[in-house]
Amino acid sequence: MRAGAGLLGVLVGALGCVLQPATQPQIAQLPVLADGAGRPAHLVWVSVAGLTPDRYLSGDAMPNLARLASLGVSAEHVVPVPAAGVYPAHASLVTGATPAEHGIVADQLLGERGVRRAQPSHASLLRRATLWQSVAEAGGSVTSLDWPTTTGAAIASLLPDLAPQRAGEHWQALVSAAATPWIGERVRAAPADVEQPGPARDALLVELACAAFAQAPHLLLLRLRGPEAALVATGPVSQDSAAAFSVVDELLLRLLHCAEQAGVLPQSAFVVTGDRALAPVHTVLRPNVWLRYEGWITPQGLWKVFAASNGSSAFVYADEARTALDARKILEARAQESGAFEIVSAEAMIGLGVDPDAWFGLQAEPGFAFENTLSGEAIAPASVLASAGALLGESAPPTGFVAFGRGVRLGVRVPRMTQLDVAPTLAMLLGVKLDAAVGRSLVGLLRVSAGSAGVDPSPPAEALPSGR
């Protein structure tokens, strides 16, 4: 290797011993990146459901991502936003703002009969500027594939994050109708096993990303949900969960290989983040059973007080202050009796930056999680083996962050950062403004100068994928 070779030059030797040539792309053939300093022309950002630092720091389940982490930037501990669900976490990741500020406070919307099946998918619900908007305003192009809260967004190539809500609806038909035409055509032609989130859908999304490289987007957002089902059903330390992350590891290498084939790899930076970390669960708590017993929730689900579950935490809503105070007294007594959860005051909730409409919160002890159920035993064995959504920071396991490529420093380990730091750091990497972010720009992770030019809006020479 010649002197001065950068990250991808190191990858030639480091990744070659990891790959299985019969099943994996030949990463050893990637070009040498002679100088990895400077702003990337392309940023590829992959969100992996449930990714935690142990997956890449140990390298057992994701040896390829572990190699990339050791050669680029990797975080030992990323503090998730409080009560992190899929939607609040992704919104904080792309805005650098808290849920109270960006407006996406939970994974499901609240209605007069409790939580609705509808999710906060539409981009109009976001109250803060996003990284994709900043890139577009600077003249750059954006591709987004199943990234939460992008439905209806002004994104050039979009696969929205829609999910069936009614009987008879199908994911392929639903999203293909709302997607950019060339993406919709490929989704409609995909096998039926992409209907459910999992490895098959993740593989489809990666192939869509590979096709999008022909457009050379300045920002590509991609969500992979494959590990989610295994984490919930079998727990974070199971063989099934490890196998699910192994599949994602292979897909990440596929993505690198596609970037190399498209000729965009030497000018690209890659970021891999977790959305939230799931902790083991053995028992569920159903506070709405207690509230219904007190007469605040009818058998039909109409409520005066309702505890909306985030998993390891819950937000309590009420129709008026007196009802909220009475409900708090009841739940405080249940908390003392069970020893399974604690009350989080309204003042603490405001300080945490969570839903300002909630009167107070509930935080489960380790091993416990909340459900929205109105009937049955108030405390029961859990039907799932893992849950996220801790409200208090010390109760939340860390999520993950890995970055490498153009403009990213080599071999840097980050002891601690927060999800709020990601968007402003990536905005600095790209040279775009994200003024509403409250997180920190971690300049020590980057090899760019503050005054260097940002996004280059010039269009790529390559043709768009067919069907555009």
Protein backbone atom coordinates (compact mmCIF):
# COMPACT_ATOMS: atom_id res chain seq x y z
CA MET A 1 0.00 0.00 0.00
CA ARG A 2 1.47 3.35 -0.96
CA ALA A 3 2.28 5.96 1.66
CA GLY A 4 -0.61 8.27 2.54
CA ALA A 5 -3.33 5.79 1.64
CA GLY A 6 -6.51 6.51 3.57
CA LEU A 7 -9.36 4.50 5.02
CA LEU A 8 -10.35 2.53 1.94
CA GLY A 9 -6.76 1.59 1.34
CA VAL A 10 -6.75 0.01 4.78
CA LEU A 11 -10.03 -1.74 3.96
CA VAL A 12 -8.32 -3.66 1.20
CA GLY A 13 -6.38 -5.73 3.69
CA ALA A 14 -8.66 -5.51 6.72
CA LEU A 15 -11.88 -6.66 5.11
CA GLY A 16 -10.39 -9.21 2.77
CA CYS A 17 -9.93 -11.74 5.58
CA VAL A 18 -13.54 -11.32 6.73
CA LEU A 19 -15.33 -11.99 3.46
CA GLN A 20 -16.48 -15.30 2.10
CA PRO A 21 -15.83 -14.93 -1.66
CA ALA A 22 -18.56 -17.42 -2.59
CA THR A 23 -21.29 -15.32 -1.00
CA GLN A 24 -19.84 -11.82 -0.48
CA PRO A 25 -18.71 -9.10 -2.91
CA GLN A 26 -14.97 -8.76 -3.48
CA ILE A 27 -14.30 -5.78 -1.23
CA ALA A 28 -10.55 -6.39 -1.69
CA GLN A 29 -10.94 -4.93 -5.20
CA LEU A 30 -12.11 -1.54 -3.91
CA PRO A 31 -9.98 1.43 -4.99
CA VAL A 32 -7.53 3.04 -2.61
CA LEU A 33 -8.66 6.36 -1.18
CA ALA A 34 -5.43 8.37 -1.25
CA ASP A 35 -6.74 11.28 0.81
CA GLY A 36 -9.88 10.89 2.87
CA ALA A 37 -9.93 14.49 4.12
CA GLY A 38 -12.48 17.01 2.86
CA ARG A 39 -16.23 17.06 2.52
CA PRO A 40 -17.91 14.00 0.98
CA ALA A 41 -19.91 14.41 -2.19
CA HIS A 42 -22.26 11.69 -0.93
CA LEU A 43 -23.40 10.70 2.55
CA VAL A 44 -25.01 7.29 3.01
CA TRP A 45 -26.80 7.02 6.36
CA VAL A 46 -28.11 3.61 7.44
CA SER A 47 -30.34 3.18 10.49
CA VAL A 48 -30.31 -0.35 11.93
CA ALA A 49 -33.11 -1.35 14.30
CA GLY A 50 -31.79 -2.11 17.77
CA LEU A 51 -28.10 -1.60 16.93
CA THR A 52 -26.02 -1.34 20.11
CA PRO A 53 -22.26 -0.81 20.53
CA ASP A 54 -21.59 -4.41 21.59
CA ARG A 55 -22.51 -5.56 18.06
CA TYR A 56 -19.52 -3.79 16.52
CA LEU A 57 -17.15 -3.37 19.46
CA SER A 58 -16.90 -7.13 19.98
CA GLY A 59 -17.35 -8.07 16.32
CA ASP A 60 -19.04 -11.39 17.12
CA ALA A 61 -22.32 -10.75 15.30
CA MET A 62 -21.16 -8.04 12.87
CA PRO A 63 -17.46 -8.62 12.11
CA ASN A 64 -17.50 -6.46 8.98
CA LEU A 65 -19.06 -3.46 10.72
CA ALA A 66 -16.59 -4.06 13.56
CA ARG A 67 -13.70 -3.70 11.08
CA LEU A 68 -15.18 -0.53 9.68
CA ALA A 69 -15.74 0.81 13.20
CA SER A 70 -12.10 0.20 14.12
CA LEU A 71 -10.93 2.01 10.98
CA GLY A 72 -13.26 4.99 11.18
CA VAL A 73 -15.21 6.51 14.09
CA SER A 74 -17.16 4.38 16.55
CA ALA A 75 -19.09 5.26 19.70
CA GLU A 76 -18.89 3.26 22.90
CA HIS A 77 -22.09 4.82 24.25
CA VAL A 78 -24.77 6.82 22.42
CA VAL A 79 -27.39 8.17 24.81
CA PRO A 80 -30.85 7.74 23.21
CA VAL A 81 -33.47 10.43 23.45
CA PRO A 82 -35.79 9.86 26.44
CA ALA A 83 -38.60 7.34 25.86
CA ALA A 84 -37.04 6.57 22.50
CA GLY A 85 -39.40 4.82 20.16
CA VAL A 86 -38.77 4.26 16.47
CA TYR A 87 -40.33 7.54 15.37
CA PRO A 88 -39.08 9.91 18.11
CA ALA A 89 -35.55 8.51 17.77
CA HIS A 90 -35.39 8.89 13.99
CA ALA A 91 -36.83 12.40 14.18
CA SER A 92 -34.20 13.39 16.76
CA LEU A 93 -31.45 11.79 14.68
CA VAL A 94 -32.25 13.94 11.62
CA THR A 95 -33.09 17.18 13.46
CA GLY A 96 -30.76 17.19 16.47
CA ALA A 97 -33.81 18.28 18.52
CA THR A 98 -35.75 16.69 21.39
CA PRO A 99 -39.18 15.11 20.86
CA ALA A 100 -40.84 18.09 22.55
CA GLU A 101 -39.17 20.36 20.00
CA HIS A 102 -39.60 18.37 16.79
CA GLY A 103 -43.11 17.15 17.71
CA ILE A 104 -42.76 13.38 17.21
CA VAL A 105 -43.27 12.21 20.78
CA ALA A 106 -44.35 8.57 20.42
CA ASP A 107 -44.67 5.73 17.90
CA GLN A 108 -48.46 5.95 17.82
CA LEU A 109 -50.91 8.81 17.85
CA LEU A 110 -53.33 9.28 20.75
CA GLY A 111 -57.09 9.37 20.19
CA GLU A 112 -60.27 9.49 22.24
CA ARG A 113 -60.14 5.69 22.70
CA GLY A 114 -56.46 5.50 23.56
CA VAL A 115 -53.60 4.93 21.16
CA ARG A 116 -54.54 4.64 17.51
CA ARG A 117 -53.04 2.27 14.97
CA ALA A 118 -51.88 5.27 12.96
CA GLN A 119 -48.22 6.21 13.25
CA PRO A 120 -46.67 9.69 12.87
CA SER A 121 -45.49 8.94 9.34
CA HIS A 122 -46.25 12.23 7.59
CA ALA A 123 -43.41 14.71 7.29
CA SER A 124 -45.76 17.62 7.99
CA LEU A 125 -45.78 16.56 11.66
CA LEU A 126 -42.12 17.55 12.04
CA ARG A 127 -41.73 21.00 13.61
CA ARG A 128 -37.97 21.35 13.16
CA ALA A 129 -35.76 21.43 10.09
CA THR A 130 -34.28 18.10 9.08
CA LEU A 131 -30.91 17.23 7.60
CA TRP A 132 -32.59 16.23 4.34
CA GLN A 133 -34.23 19.66 4.10
CA SER A 134 -30.89 21.37 4.74
CA VAL A 135 -29.25 19.35 1.97
CA ALA A 136 -32.08 20.12 -0.46
CA GLU A 137 -32.00 23.83 0.38
CA ALA A 138 -28.26 23.84 -0.37
CA GLY A 139 -29.02 22.44 -3.83
CA GLY A 140 -28.29 18.79 -3.08
CA SER A 141 -30.33 15.72 -4.00
CA VAL A 142 -31.83 13.29 -1.47
CA THR A 143 -32.94 9.66 -1.57
CA SER A 144 -34.91 8.21 1.36
CA LEU A 145 -35.85 4.55 1.71
CA ASP A 146 -38.33 3.70 4.49
CA TRP A 147 -36.97 6.40 6.83
CA PRO A 148 -39.63 7.27 9.44
CA THR A 149 -41.74 10.44 9.10
CA THR A 150 -40.89 11.04 5.44
CA THR A 151 -44.32 10.40 3.90
CA GLY A 152 -45.20 13.42 1.80
CA ALA A 153 -41.73 14.91 2.14
CA ALA A 154 -40.20 16.93 -0.70
CA ILE A 155 -37.55 14.28 -1.41
CA ALA A 156 -36.41 13.57 -4.97
CA SER A 157 -36.40 9.76 -4.64
CA LEU A 158 -38.69 8.53 -1.88
CA LEU A 159 -39.98 5.26 -0.50
CA PRO A 160 -42.25 6.48 2.33
CA ASP A 161 -42.55 4.72 5.67
CA LEU A 162 -46.17 3.66 5.32
CA ALA A 163 -47.67 0.59 7.00
CA PRO A 164 -51.04 -1.09 6.42
CA GLN A 165 -53.72 0.23 8.80
CA ARG A 166 -56.88 -1.42 7.46
CA ALA A 167 -57.96 -4.94 6.64
CA GLY A 168 -56.98 -5.93 3.13
CA GLU A 169 -54.20 -3.35 2.78
CA HIS A 170 -50.81 -4.57 1.59
CA TRP A 171 -47.44 -2.89 2.13
CA GLN A 172 -46.27 -3.27 -1.47
CA ALA A 173 -49.38 -1.69 -2.96
CA LEU A 174 -49.52 1.03 -0.31
CA VAL A 175 -45.93 2.27 -0.55
CA SER A 176 -45.49 1.77 -4.29
CA ALA A 177 -48.44 4.08 -4.95
CA ALA A 178 -46.86 6.82 -2.83
CA ALA A 179 -43.24 6.26 -3.87
CA THR A 180 -41.21 7.92 -6.60
CA PRO A 181 -42.22 6.08 -9.82
CA TRP A 182 -38.96 4.19 -10.44
CA ILE A 183 -38.96 2.98 -6.83
CA GLY A 184 -42.64 2.06 -6.93
CA GLU A 185 -42.12 -0.12 -10.00
CA ARG A 186 -39.39 -2.13 -8.28
CA VAL A 187 -41.40 -2.54 -5.10
CA ARG A 188 -44.42 -3.84 -7.02
CA ALA A 189 -42.21 -6.36 -8.81
CA ALA A 190 -40.61 -7.66 -5.60
CA PRO A 191 -41.49 -11.09 -4.14
CA ALA A 192 -44.32 -11.32 -1.63
CA ASP A 193 -41.95 -11.98 1.28
CA VAL A 194 -41.13 -8.25 1.43
CA GLU A 195 -44.63 -7.60 2.84
CA GLN A 196 -43.37 -7.96 6.42
CA PRO A 197 -40.35 -6.14 7.88
CA GLY A 198 -37.40 -8.50 7.90
CA PRO A 199 -34.41 -9.74 5.90
CA ALA A 200 -36.26 -9.91 2.56
CA ARG A 201 -37.50 -6.33 2.82
CA ASP A 202 -34.08 -5.14 3.97
CA ALA A 203 -32.49 -6.82 0.96
CA LEU A 204 -34.97 -5.04 -1.32
CA LEU A 205 -34.18 -1.68 0.30
CA VAL A 206 -30.45 -2.22 -0.16
CA GLU A 207 -30.98 -3.06 -3.83
CA LEU A 208 -33.02 0.13 -4.19
CA ALA A 209 -30.12 2.03 -2.61
CA CYS A 210 -27.77 0.36 -5.08
CA ALA A 211 -29.97 1.53 -7.95
CA ALA A 212 -30.10 5.04 -6.49
CA PHE A 213 -26.30 5.31 -6.65
CA ALA A 214 -26.72 5.91 -10.40
CA GLN A 215 -28.23 9.26 -9.38
CA ALA A 216 -25.29 9.94 -7.03
CA PRO A 217 -27.51 11.50 -4.31
CA HIS A 218 -25.83 13.86 -1.90
CA LEU A 219 -27.75 12.25 0.99
CA LEU A 220 -29.15 8.72 1.07
CA LEU A 221 -31.26 7.69 4.07
CA LEU A 222 -31.90 3.96 4.54
CA ARG A 223 -33.64 2.11 7.37
CA LEU A 224 -33.07 -1.61 7.96
CA ARG A 225 -35.52 -3.26 10.37
CA GLY A 226 -34.40 -6.88 10.07
CA PRO A 227 -33.24 -7.46 13.68
CA GLU A 228 -36.40 -5.98 15.22
CA ALA A 229 -38.60 -9.10 15.24
CA ALA A 230 -35.86 -11.34 16.65
CA LEU A 231 -34.98 -8.85 19.40
CA VAL A 232 -38.59 -8.60 20.56
CA ALA A 233 -39.43 -12.29 20.26
CA THR A 234 -36.22 -13.88 21.54
CA GLY A 235 -34.36 -11.13 23.42
CA PRO A 236 -31.17 -9.18 22.72
CA VAL A 237 -28.73 -11.96 23.64
CA SER A 238 -30.35 -14.78 21.66
CA GLN A 239 -28.83 -16.63 18.72
CA ASP A 240 -31.72 -15.46 16.55
CA SER A 241 -30.89 -11.83 17.28
CA ALA A 242 -27.20 -12.40 16.56
CA ALA A 243 -28.13 -14.07 13.27
CA ALA A 244 -30.36 -11.12 12.32
CA PHE A 245 -27.52 -8.66 12.86
CA SER A 246 -25.23 -10.92 10.85
CA VAL A 247 -27.59 -10.59 7.89
CA VAL A 248 -27.47 -6.79 8.22
CA ASP A 249 -23.67 -7.01 8.33
CA GLU A 250 -23.70 -8.72 4.92
CA LEU A 251 -26.13 -6.16 3.52
CA LEU A 252 -23.85 -3.31 4.60
CA LEU A 253 -21.04 -4.89 2.59
CA ARG A 254 -23.37 -5.22 -0.36
CA LEU A 255 -24.02 -1.50 -0.09
CA LEU A 256 -20.29 -0.73 -0.16
CA HIS A 257 -19.81 -2.95 -3.17
CA CYS A 258 -22.62 -1.14 -5.02
CA ALA A 259 -21.06 2.24 -4.23
CA GLU A 260 -17.75 0.99 -5.62
CA GLN A 261 -19.41 -0.28 -8.81
CA ALA A 262 -21.23 3.04 -9.26
CA GLY A 263 -17.95 4.94 -8.90
CA VAL A 264 -19.11 7.01 -5.91
CA LEU A 265 -17.26 5.19 -3.12
CA PRO A 266 -14.07 7.30 -2.97
CA GLN A 267 -16.16 10.48 -2.58
CA SER A 268 -18.59 9.01 -0.02
CA ALA A 269 -18.98 8.91 3.74
CA PHE A 270 -21.02 6.21 5.45
CA VAL A 271 -22.82 6.41 8.79
CA VAL A 272 -24.51 3.51 10.58
CA THR A 273 -26.68 4.31 13.61
CA GLY A 274 -29.03 2.48 15.93
CA ASP A 275 -32.51 3.84 16.54
CA ARG A 276 -32.99 2.51 20.07
CA ALA A 277 -31.63 -0.25 22.29
CA LEU A 278 -33.92 -3.00 23.53
CA ALA A 279 -33.43 -4.37 27.05
CA PRO A 280 -34.62 -7.76 28.37
CA VAL A 281 -38.20 -7.94 29.70
CA HIS A 282 -39.97 -10.59 31.79
CA THR A 283 -43.09 -8.83 33.18
CA VAL A 284 -45.62 -6.36 31.80
CA LEU A 285 -47.47 -3.64 33.69
CA ARG A 286 -50.94 -2.53 32.61
CA PRO A 287 -51.68 0.76 34.37
CA ASN A 288 -54.84 1.26 32.35
CA VAL A 289 -56.35 -1.75 34.12
CA TRP A 290 -55.96 0.16 37.40
CA LEU A 291 -57.29 3.35 35.81
CA ARG A 292 -60.31 1.53 34.39
CA TYR A 293 -61.04 0.01 37.81
CA GLU A 294 -61.22 3.58 39.17
CA GLY A 295 -63.79 4.49 36.49
CA TRP A 296 -61.55 6.77 34.40
CA ILE A 297 -61.68 4.50 31.33
CA THR A 298 -64.91 3.00 30.02
CA PRO A 299 -65.18 -0.59 28.71
CA GLN A 300 -65.36 0.95 25.23
CA GLY A 301 -62.00 2.67 25.77
CA LEU A 302 -63.18 6.27 26.23
CA TRP A 303 -60.86 7.81 28.77
CA LYS A 304 -60.47 10.63 31.24
CA VAL A 305 -56.99 9.36 32.13
CA PHE A 306 -54.86 7.14 29.92
CA ALA A 307 -51.34 5.74 30.25
CA ALA A 308 -49.77 5.45 26.77
CA SER A 309 -46.95 2.92 26.70
CA ASN A 310 -43.53 3.59 25.17
CA GLY A 311 -42.33 0.17 26.29
CA SER A 312 -40.11 0.74 29.32
CA SER A 313 -41.95 3.96 30.11
CA ALA A 314 -45.42 5.45 29.74
CA PHE A 315 -46.89 8.95 29.43
CA VAL A 316 -50.05 9.67 31.43
CA TYR A 317 -52.66 11.98 29.87
CA ALA A 318 -55.76 13.40 31.55
CA ASP A 319 -58.75 15.54 30.65
CA GLU A 320 -58.14 18.00 33.51
CA ALA A 321 -55.74 18.79 36.32
CA ARG A 322 -57.83 17.33 39.15
CA THR A 323 -58.23 14.02 37.36
CA ALA A 324 -54.48 13.92 36.71
CA LEU A 325 -53.70 14.52 40.41
CA ASP A 326 -56.11 11.80 41.53
CA ALA A 327 -54.69 9.36 39.00
CA ARG A 328 -51.16 10.12 40.14
CA LYS A 329 -52.06 9.25 43.73
CA ILE A 330 -53.51 5.91 42.62
CA LEU A 331 -50.51 5.05 40.47
CA GLU A 332 -48.05 6.14 43.18
CA ALA A 333 -49.70 3.68 45.54
CA ARG A 334 -49.50 0.91 42.91
CA ALA A 335 -45.84 1.75 42.31
CA GLN A 336 -45.05 1.40 46.01
CA GLU A 337 -46.98 -1.86 46.29
CA SER A 338 -45.39 -3.49 43.26
CA GLY A 339 -41.89 -2.01 43.34
CA ALA A 340 -42.01 -2.36 39.56
CA PHE A 341 -42.08 1.28 38.44
CA GLU A 342 -41.78 4.88 39.60
CA ILE A 343 -43.53 8.17 38.90
CA VAL A 344 -41.73 10.81 36.83
CA SER A 345 -42.95 14.30 37.64
CA ALA A 346 -44.19 16.85 35.11
CA GLU A 347 -41.19 19.04 35.93
CA ALA A 348 -38.81 16.18 35.17
CA MET A 349 -40.71 15.43 31.95
CA ILE A 350 -40.28 19.02 30.79
CA GLY A 351 -36.57 18.85 31.55
CA LEU A 352 -36.26 15.63 29.55
CA GLY A 353 -37.83 17.21 26.47
CA VAL A 354 -40.62 14.68 26.02
CA ASP A 355 -44.33 15.18 25.28
CA PRO A 356 -45.43 18.44 26.96
CA ASP A 357 -49.08 17.34 26.83
CA ALA A 358 -48.51 14.47 29.27
CA TRP A 359 -49.27 15.26 32.93
CA PHE A 360 -46.59 12.92 34.28
CA GLY A 361 -44.68 9.80 33.34
CA LEU A 362 -44.04 6.25 34.50
CA GLN A 363 -40.63 4.57 34.42
CA ALA A 364 -40.43 0.77 34.70
CA GLU A 365 -37.77 -1.00 36.70
CA PRO A 366 -35.36 -3.21 34.71
CA GLY A 367 -37.13 -6.31 33.40
CA PHE A 368 -40.56 -4.64 33.35
CA ALA A 369 -42.42 -2.90 30.53
CA PHE A 370 -45.81 -1.24 30.05
CA GLU A 371 -48.75 -2.24 27.86
CA ASN A 372 -51.80 -0.24 26.78
CA THR A 373 -54.18 -3.14 27.53
CA LEU A 374 -57.41 -2.27 29.38
CA SER A 375 -58.30 -5.76 30.67
CA GLY A 376 -56.71 -8.79 32.29
CA GLU A 377 -54.23 -8.82 35.15
CA ALA A 378 -52.52 -5.52 35.85
CA ILE A 379 -49.19 -7.32 36.29
CA ALA A 380 -48.57 -10.34 34.06
CA PRO A 381 -45.84 -12.35 32.31
CA ALA A 382 -44.55 -10.53 29.24
CA SER A 383 -45.36 -11.82 25.77
CA VAL A 384 -42.19 -10.16 24.45
CA LEU A 385 -38.64 -10.61 25.68
CA ALA A 386 -37.26 -7.13 25.00
CA SER A 387 -38.42 -3.53 25.07
CA ALA A 388 -37.07 -0.01 24.54
CA GLY A 389 -38.39 3.40 25.55
CA ALA A 390 -36.72 4.11 28.89
CA LEU A 391 -37.57 7.62 30.09
CA LEU A 392 -34.70 8.16 32.51
CA GLY A 393 -31.19 8.22 31.06
CA GLU A 394 -29.61 5.85 33.54
CA SER A 395 -32.26 3.26 32.68
CA ALA A 396 -31.65 3.39 28.94
CA PRO A 397 -29.04 1.11 27.39
CA PRO A 398 -26.86 2.83 24.77
CA THR A 399 -27.45 2.74 21.05
CA GLY A 400 -24.80 2.73 18.33
CA PHE A 401 -22.89 5.00 15.93
CA VAL A 402 -20.25 4.14 13.32
CA ALA A 403 -18.87 6.44 10.59
CA PHE A 404 -16.16 6.05 7.98
CA GLY A 405 -15.12 7.37 4.59
CA ARG A 406 -14.48 10.80 3.13
CA GLY A 407 -14.15 13.50 5.76
CA VAL A 408 -14.19 11.09 8.73
CA ARG A 409 -11.18 10.64 10.97
CA LEU A 410 -9.42 7.29 11.25
CA GLY A 411 -9.48 5.07 14.31
CA VAL A 412 -11.35 7.42 16.67
CA ARG A 413 -13.30 5.96 19.60
CA VAL A 414 -16.04 8.17 21.11
CA PRO A 415 -16.60 7.43 24.82
CA ARG A 416 -20.01 9.09 24.97
CA MET A 417 -22.30 11.07 22.70
CA THR A 418 -26.05 11.55 22.31
CA GLN A 419 -28.48 10.99 19.48
CA LEU A 420 -28.95 14.76 19.39
CA ASP A 421 -25.30 15.15 18.35
CA VAL A 422 -25.65 13.14 15.15
CA ALA A 423 -27.51 15.60 12.89
CA PRO A 424 -25.38 18.68 13.68
CA THR A 425 -22.21 16.63 13.25
CA LEU A 426 -23.34 15.33 9.86
CA ALA A 427 -24.47 18.83 8.86
CA MET A 428 -20.93 20.03 9.58
CA LEU A 429 -19.54 17.11 7.58
CA LEU A 430 -21.69 18.11 4.57
CA GLY A 431 -21.22 21.85 5.04
CA VAL A 432 -24.93 22.65 5.42
CA LYS A 433 -26.78 24.61 8.09
CA LEU A 434 -29.02 23.03 10.73
CA ASP A 435 -29.64 25.98 13.01
CA ALA A 436 -32.46 24.50 15.10
CA ALA A 437 -30.38 21.56 16.37
CA VAL A 438 -29.65 21.54 20.10
CA GLY A 439 -27.05 18.76 19.92
CA ARG A 440 -23.32 19.34 19.58
CA SER A 441 -21.29 19.32 16.38
CA LEU A 442 -18.55 16.85 17.22
CA VAL A 443 -15.80 18.42 15.15
CA GLY A 444 -13.24 15.99 16.56
CA LEU A 445 -14.78 13.17 14.52
CA LEU A 446 -14.25 14.89 11.18
CA ARG A 447 -11.51 15.84 8.74
CA VAL A 448 -13.14 18.90 7.24
CA SER A 449 -12.45 22.60 7.71
CA ALA A 450 -15.22 24.87 8.91
CA GLY A 451 -14.83 27.19 5.92
CA SER A 452 -14.70 24.61 3.15
CA ALA A 453 -17.45 24.43 0.55
CA GLY A 454 -20.56 22.39 1.24
CA VAL A 455 -22.92 20.43 -0.99
CA ASP A 456 -22.13 20.59 -4.70
CA PRO A 457 -25.51 20.76 -6.45
CA SER A 458 -24.15 19.82 -9.87
CA PRO A 459 -26.10 16.86 -11.32
CA PRO A 460 -24.35 13.52 -11.90
CA ALA A 461 -23.44 12.47 -15.40
CA GLU A 462 -25.03 9.05 -14.97
CA ALA A 463 -28.58 8.40 -16.11
CA LEU A 464 -31.39 7.93 -13.61
CA PRO A 465 -32.62 4.39 -12.95
CA SER A 466 -35.17 3.22 -15.48
CA GLY A 467 -38.78 4.13 -14.73
CA ARG A 468 -38.02 7.53 -13.25
